Amino acid sequence: MITALKTQTRKARWLSAAVMAPLAGLGLTLVAAATLAADEAATIRAALAKVLPDYEPTSVKPSVVDGLYQVDIGPQVMFVTADGRFLIDGAIVDLKTRENIAEAAQAEARQRVMAGVKDEDTIIFPAKDPKHQITVFTDIDCGYCRKLHHHVDDYNAEGISVRYLFFPRSGVGSPSYDKAVSVWCADDQQAAMTAAKNGEQVAKASCDNPIQEQMALGGELGVRGTPAIVLENGEMVPGYVEPKRLAALLEDATDQASN
């Protein structure tokens, strides 16, 4: 700001001291506000460290609500008062715009985390003419997961690529978990996934696999049941969604993002 003012000195000679004084005061106010925000963020970090010593906040920043800070811990989002005393974990709705501020922040966090998931770390059924991509946390033995997969060609026809991550709800060591491992370790993962979803026997196989990591990621993202569909904007849609309806949801999300 100071450098910009210096370069404009000749053009700005006509500005009176009365006009420039408020600008200088504004600069001091911004510096003071930034310092205060940094102090409050440090207070919040210290308070959280006492109750959540194993978790380091990714970021602590002022929210759109005065006196309330947004705290990101990986894919998790919470809101904490400036004094670090009160934590809000739930909906925060702007009554003017009807927007759920907390869910919007959570979606951004999910989007950021999912952007780091590479295709090679998923089992992907790509669309020939891709317009959108969804990531689905799935369970081999879940009825609606099977219904979703039965329509995977229809999703692809709508321009939707489908990436699968495993989330066997019955846990590590269960038959569903073992099936997930066998599918992942199969020579043809896509064929094995389709066979397993059709209730067919898949050859038992084992190898180094990311199933437990995928389950942990799902837990961090808030997956409670399957299928759980994560859209490109980070929104999570629980359950089965018919292909054309999902395509419409994705188009609406794209339109909102561009406006």
Protein backbone atom coordinates (compact mmCIF):
# COMPACT_ATOMS: atom_id res chain seq x y z
CA MET A 1 0.00 0.00 0.00
CA ILE A 2 2.81 2.40 0.92
CA THR A 3 4.72 1.57 -2.26
CA ALA A 4 1.63 2.14 -4.38
CA LEU A 5 1.11 5.56 -2.78
CA LYS A 6 4.72 6.55 -3.48
CA THR A 7 4.37 5.68 -7.16
CA GLN A 8 1.32 7.89 -7.34
CA THR A 9 2.88 10.89 -5.54
CA ARG A 10 2.75 13.32 -8.46
CA LYS A 11 -0.85 12.50 -9.29
CA ALA A 12 -1.89 12.69 -5.66
CA ARG A 13 -0.34 16.05 -4.69
CA TRP A 14 -3.77 17.66 -4.76
CA LEU A 15 -5.04 15.38 -1.98
CA SER A 16 -5.37 17.36 1.23
CA ALA A 17 -4.16 16.26 4.63
CA ALA A 18 -7.80 16.05 5.67
CA VAL A 19 -8.39 13.32 3.07
CA MET A 20 -5.17 11.41 3.73
CA ALA A 21 -5.50 11.33 7.52
CA PRO A 22 -8.46 8.92 7.57
CA LEU A 23 -6.59 6.58 5.20
CA ALA A 24 -3.63 6.47 7.56
CA GLY A 25 -5.98 5.78 10.43
CA LEU A 26 -7.56 2.95 8.47
CA GLY A 27 -4.15 1.38 7.96
CA LEU A 28 -3.50 1.43 11.70
CA THR A 29 -6.94 -0.08 12.35
CA LEU A 30 -6.31 -2.94 9.91
CA VAL A 31 -2.95 -3.71 11.53
CA ALA A 32 -4.54 -3.69 14.98
CA ALA A 33 -7.38 -5.94 13.79
CA ALA A 34 -4.92 -8.39 12.24
CA THR A 35 -2.90 -8.48 15.45
CA LEU A 36 -6.05 -9.06 17.50
CA ALA A 37 -7.16 -11.87 15.17
CA ALA A 38 -3.75 -13.53 15.46
CA ASP A 39 -3.90 -13.30 19.27
CA GLU A 40 -7.38 -14.81 19.36
CA ALA A 41 -6.34 -17.60 16.98
CA ALA A 42 -3.40 -18.38 19.29
CA THR A 43 -5.77 -18.45 22.28
CA ILE A 44 -8.05 -20.90 20.47
CA ARG A 45 -5.16 -23.15 19.45
CA ALA A 46 -3.94 -23.24 23.06
CA ALA A 47 -7.43 -24.08 24.36
CA LEU A 48 -7.92 -26.88 21.84
CA ALA A 49 -4.48 -28.30 22.57
CA LYS A 50 -5.59 -28.95 26.15
CA VAL A 51 -8.69 -30.95 25.17
CA LEU A 52 -7.53 -32.35 21.81
CA PRO A 53 -3.78 -32.81 22.25
CA ASP A 54 -3.52 -35.33 19.40
CA TYR A 55 -5.06 -33.03 16.80
CA GLU A 56 -3.35 -30.02 15.27
CA PRO A 57 -5.70 -27.51 13.61
CA THR A 58 -5.09 -27.10 9.89
CA SER A 59 -6.28 -23.52 10.12
CA VAL A 60 -7.92 -21.09 12.56
CA LYS A 61 -9.61 -18.08 10.97
CA PRO A 62 -12.39 -15.59 11.71
CA SER A 63 -15.79 -16.77 10.48
CA VAL A 64 -18.51 -14.57 9.01
CA VAL A 65 -20.04 -14.41 12.50
CA ASP A 66 -18.48 -11.77 14.75
CA GLY A 67 -16.59 -13.30 17.66
CA LEU A 68 -16.67 -16.80 16.19
CA TYR A 69 -13.68 -18.56 14.62
CA GLN A 70 -13.70 -21.40 12.12
CA VAL A 71 -11.31 -24.20 13.04
CA ASP A 72 -10.37 -26.80 10.43
CA ILE A 73 -8.81 -30.06 11.59
CA GLY A 74 -8.25 -31.99 8.38
CA PRO A 75 -11.74 -32.64 6.95
CA GLN A 76 -13.46 -31.68 10.21
CA VAL A 77 -14.82 -28.18 10.82
CA MET A 78 -15.89 -26.63 14.10
CA PHE A 79 -16.55 -23.14 15.38
CA VAL A 80 -15.00 -21.73 18.56
CA THR A 81 -15.55 -18.46 20.39
CA ALA A 82 -12.67 -15.97 20.38
CA ASP A 83 -11.84 -16.65 24.04
CA GLY A 84 -11.45 -20.37 23.31
CA ARG A 85 -14.13 -21.35 25.82
CA PHE A 86 -17.13 -22.42 23.77
CA LEU A 87 -17.17 -24.85 20.84
CA ILE A 88 -20.09 -25.09 18.43
CA ASP A 89 -20.50 -28.31 16.48
CA GLY A 90 -23.70 -28.10 14.47
CA ALA A 91 -25.76 -25.99 12.09
CA ILE A 92 -25.16 -22.24 11.93
CA VAL A 93 -27.78 -20.73 9.64
CA ASP A 94 -27.71 -17.24 8.13
CA LEU A 95 -31.39 -16.31 8.44
CA LYS A 96 -31.05 -13.70 5.71
CA THR A 97 -29.63 -15.99 3.02
CA ARG A 98 -30.89 -19.28 4.55
CA GLU A 99 -27.38 -20.68 4.05
CA ASN A 100 -26.04 -23.21 6.52
CA ILE A 101 -22.63 -21.66 7.12
CA ALA A 102 -21.34 -24.69 8.99
CA GLU A 103 -22.29 -27.12 6.21
CA ALA A 104 -20.79 -24.84 3.56
CA ALA A 105 -17.51 -24.76 5.49
CA GLN A 106 -17.65 -28.55 5.97
CA ALA A 107 -18.18 -29.04 2.24
CA GLU A 108 -15.12 -26.90 1.48
CA ALA A 109 -13.07 -29.03 3.87
CA ARG A 110 -14.30 -32.26 2.25
CA GLN A 111 -13.54 -30.85 -1.19
CA ARG A 112 -10.01 -29.98 -0.10
CA VAL A 113 -9.40 -33.46 1.32
CA MET A 114 -10.96 -35.32 -1.61
CA ALA A 115 -8.83 -33.35 -4.06
CA GLY A 116 -5.87 -35.18 -2.53
CA VAL A 117 -7.33 -38.63 -3.28
CA LYS A 118 -5.75 -39.85 -6.51
CA ASP A 119 -7.62 -41.97 -9.04
CA GLU A 120 -5.09 -44.77 -8.65
CA ASP A 121 -6.05 -44.99 -4.97
CA THR A 122 -9.65 -45.74 -5.93
CA ILE A 123 -11.46 -48.21 -8.15
CA ILE A 124 -12.79 -46.01 -10.90
CA PHE A 125 -15.45 -46.53 -13.55
CA PRO A 126 -14.75 -43.60 -15.90
CA ALA A 127 -17.27 -41.98 -18.22
CA LYS A 128 -16.29 -41.90 -21.90
CA ASP A 129 -17.25 -38.23 -22.06
CA PRO A 130 -16.66 -37.09 -18.45
CA LYS A 131 -18.51 -34.03 -17.20
CA HIS A 132 -18.48 -34.77 -13.50
CA GLN A 133 -16.83 -37.11 -11.02
CA ILE A 134 -18.22 -38.52 -7.79
CA THR A 135 -16.50 -40.49 -5.06
CA VAL A 136 -18.60 -43.18 -3.42
CA PHE A 137 -17.87 -44.84 -0.09
CA THR A 138 -19.24 -48.33 -0.61
CA ASP A 139 -19.85 -51.65 1.13
CA ILE A 140 -19.88 -54.82 -0.99
CA ASP A 141 -22.86 -56.25 0.89
CA CYS A 142 -24.94 -53.06 1.17
CA GLY A 143 -28.19 -53.37 -0.80
CA TYR A 144 -28.33 -49.78 -2.00
CA CYS A 145 -24.61 -49.88 -2.81
CA ARG A 146 -25.36 -52.79 -5.11
CA LYS A 147 -28.28 -50.91 -6.65
CA LEU A 148 -26.00 -47.94 -7.32
CA HIS A 149 -23.42 -50.15 -8.99
CA HIS A 150 -26.06 -51.88 -11.11
CA HIS A 151 -26.59 -48.44 -12.70
CA VAL A 152 -22.91 -47.52 -13.04
CA ASP A 153 -23.20 -47.61 -16.85
CA ASP A 154 -26.13 -45.18 -16.59
CA TYR A 155 -24.04 -42.79 -14.47
CA ASN A 156 -21.28 -43.03 -17.05
CA ALA A 157 -23.79 -42.32 -19.83
CA GLU A 158 -24.70 -39.10 -17.98
CA GLY A 159 -21.04 -38.10 -18.08
CA ILE A 160 -20.41 -39.05 -14.45
CA SER A 161 -17.23 -40.94 -13.57
CA VAL A 162 -17.60 -43.06 -10.43
CA ARG A 163 -14.70 -43.55 -8.02
CA TYR A 164 -15.09 -46.12 -5.27
CA LEU A 165 -13.57 -46.13 -1.80
CA PHE A 166 -14.37 -48.96 0.58
CA PHE A 167 -16.30 -48.53 3.80
CA PRO A 168 -17.33 -52.01 5.04
CA ARG A 169 -19.73 -51.12 7.84
CA SER A 170 -19.24 -54.38 9.73
CA GLY A 171 -15.60 -53.50 10.34
CA VAL A 172 -12.12 -54.89 9.90
CA GLY A 173 -11.97 -58.68 9.66
CA SER A 174 -15.64 -59.07 8.73
CA PRO A 175 -16.76 -60.96 5.59
CA SER A 176 -17.54 -57.61 3.91
CA TYR A 177 -14.05 -56.36 4.73
CA ASP A 178 -12.45 -59.55 3.36
CA LYS A 179 -14.46 -59.17 0.13
CA ALA A 180 -13.24 -55.60 -0.20
CA VAL A 181 -9.63 -56.77 0.16
CA SER A 182 -10.15 -59.50 -2.44
CA VAL A 183 -11.67 -57.02 -4.90
CA TRP A 184 -8.82 -54.55 -4.37
CA CYS A 185 -6.18 -57.26 -4.82
CA ALA A 186 -7.81 -58.79 -7.92
CA ASP A 187 -6.00 -58.59 -11.25
CA ASP A 188 -9.07 -56.89 -12.74
CA GLN A 189 -10.50 -54.66 -10.00
CA GLN A 190 -13.46 -53.46 -12.06
CA ALA A 191 -14.57 -56.97 -13.00
CA ALA A 192 -14.11 -58.17 -9.42
CA MET A 193 -16.12 -55.22 -8.09
CA THR A 194 -18.99 -55.93 -10.48
CA ALA A 195 -18.96 -59.64 -9.67
CA ALA A 196 -18.97 -58.98 -5.92
CA LYS A 197 -21.80 -56.45 -6.27
CA ASN A 198 -23.77 -59.11 -8.16
CA GLY A 199 -23.38 -61.48 -5.23
CA GLU A 200 -20.91 -63.69 -7.07
CA GLN A 201 -17.97 -65.37 -5.38
CA VAL A 202 -14.73 -63.46 -5.90
CA ALA A 203 -11.44 -65.35 -5.68
CA LYS A 204 -9.95 -64.73 -2.25
CA ALA A 205 -6.83 -62.61 -2.51
CA SER A 206 -4.62 -60.55 -0.24
CA CYS A 207 -2.04 -57.86 -0.81
CA ASP A 208 -0.96 -54.51 0.57
CA ASN A 209 -4.18 -52.52 0.43
CA PRO A 210 -5.65 -49.18 1.54
CA ILE A 211 -9.00 -50.48 2.87
CA GLN A 212 -8.42 -49.47 6.49
CA GLU A 213 -7.14 -46.05 5.42
CA GLN A 214 -10.24 -45.59 3.27
CA MET A 215 -12.45 -46.55 6.20
CA ALA A 216 -10.64 -44.07 8.43
CA LEU A 217 -11.03 -41.34 5.82
CA GLY A 218 -14.74 -42.05 5.59
CA GLY A 219 -15.04 -41.77 9.35
CA GLU A 220 -13.23 -38.43 9.36
CA LEU A 221 -15.50 -37.13 6.60
CA GLY A 222 -18.59 -38.07 8.57
CA VAL A 223 -19.69 -41.17 6.66
CA ARG A 224 -22.30 -42.98 8.76
CA GLY A 225 -23.84 -45.28 6.19
CA THR A 226 -23.37 -46.48 2.63
CA PRO A 227 -23.45 -45.56 -0.11
CA ALA A 228 -22.16 -42.09 0.73
CA ILE A 229 -21.62 -39.96 -2.36
CA VAL A 230 -19.19 -37.04 -2.25
CA LEU A 231 -19.81 -34.51 -5.00
CA GLU A 232 -17.15 -32.36 -6.65
CA ASN A 233 -18.06 -29.37 -4.45
CA GLY A 234 -17.57 -31.42 -1.27
CA GLU A 235 -21.27 -31.90 -0.57
CA MET A 236 -22.05 -35.36 0.78
CA VAL A 237 -25.21 -37.09 -0.40
CA PRO A 238 -26.26 -40.14 1.64
CA GLY A 239 -27.85 -43.14 -0.04
CA TYR A 240 -28.69 -44.12 -3.59
CA VAL A 241 -29.51 -41.37 -6.09
CA GLU A 242 -30.98 -42.18 -9.50
CA PRO A 243 -28.51 -41.33 -12.32
CA LYS A 244 -30.48 -38.55 -14.02
CA ARG A 245 -31.33 -36.93 -10.69
CA LEU A 246 -27.68 -37.05 -9.65
CA ALA A 247 -26.67 -35.50 -12.97
CA ALA A 248 -29.13 -32.67 -12.30
CA LEU A 249 -27.70 -32.17 -8.79
CA LEU A 250 -24.20 -31.95 -10.21
CA GLU A 251 -25.26 -29.46 -12.87
CA ASP A 252 -27.01 -27.31 -10.24
CA ALA A 253 -23.88 -27.36 -8.07
CA THR A 254 -21.78 -26.30 -11.07
CA ASP A 255 -24.18 -23.47 -11.91
CA GLN A 256 -24.16 -22.21 -8.30
CA ALA A 257 -20.38 -22.25 -8.21
CA SER A 258 -20.18 -20.17 -11.38
CA ASN A 259 -22.65 -17.53 -10.14
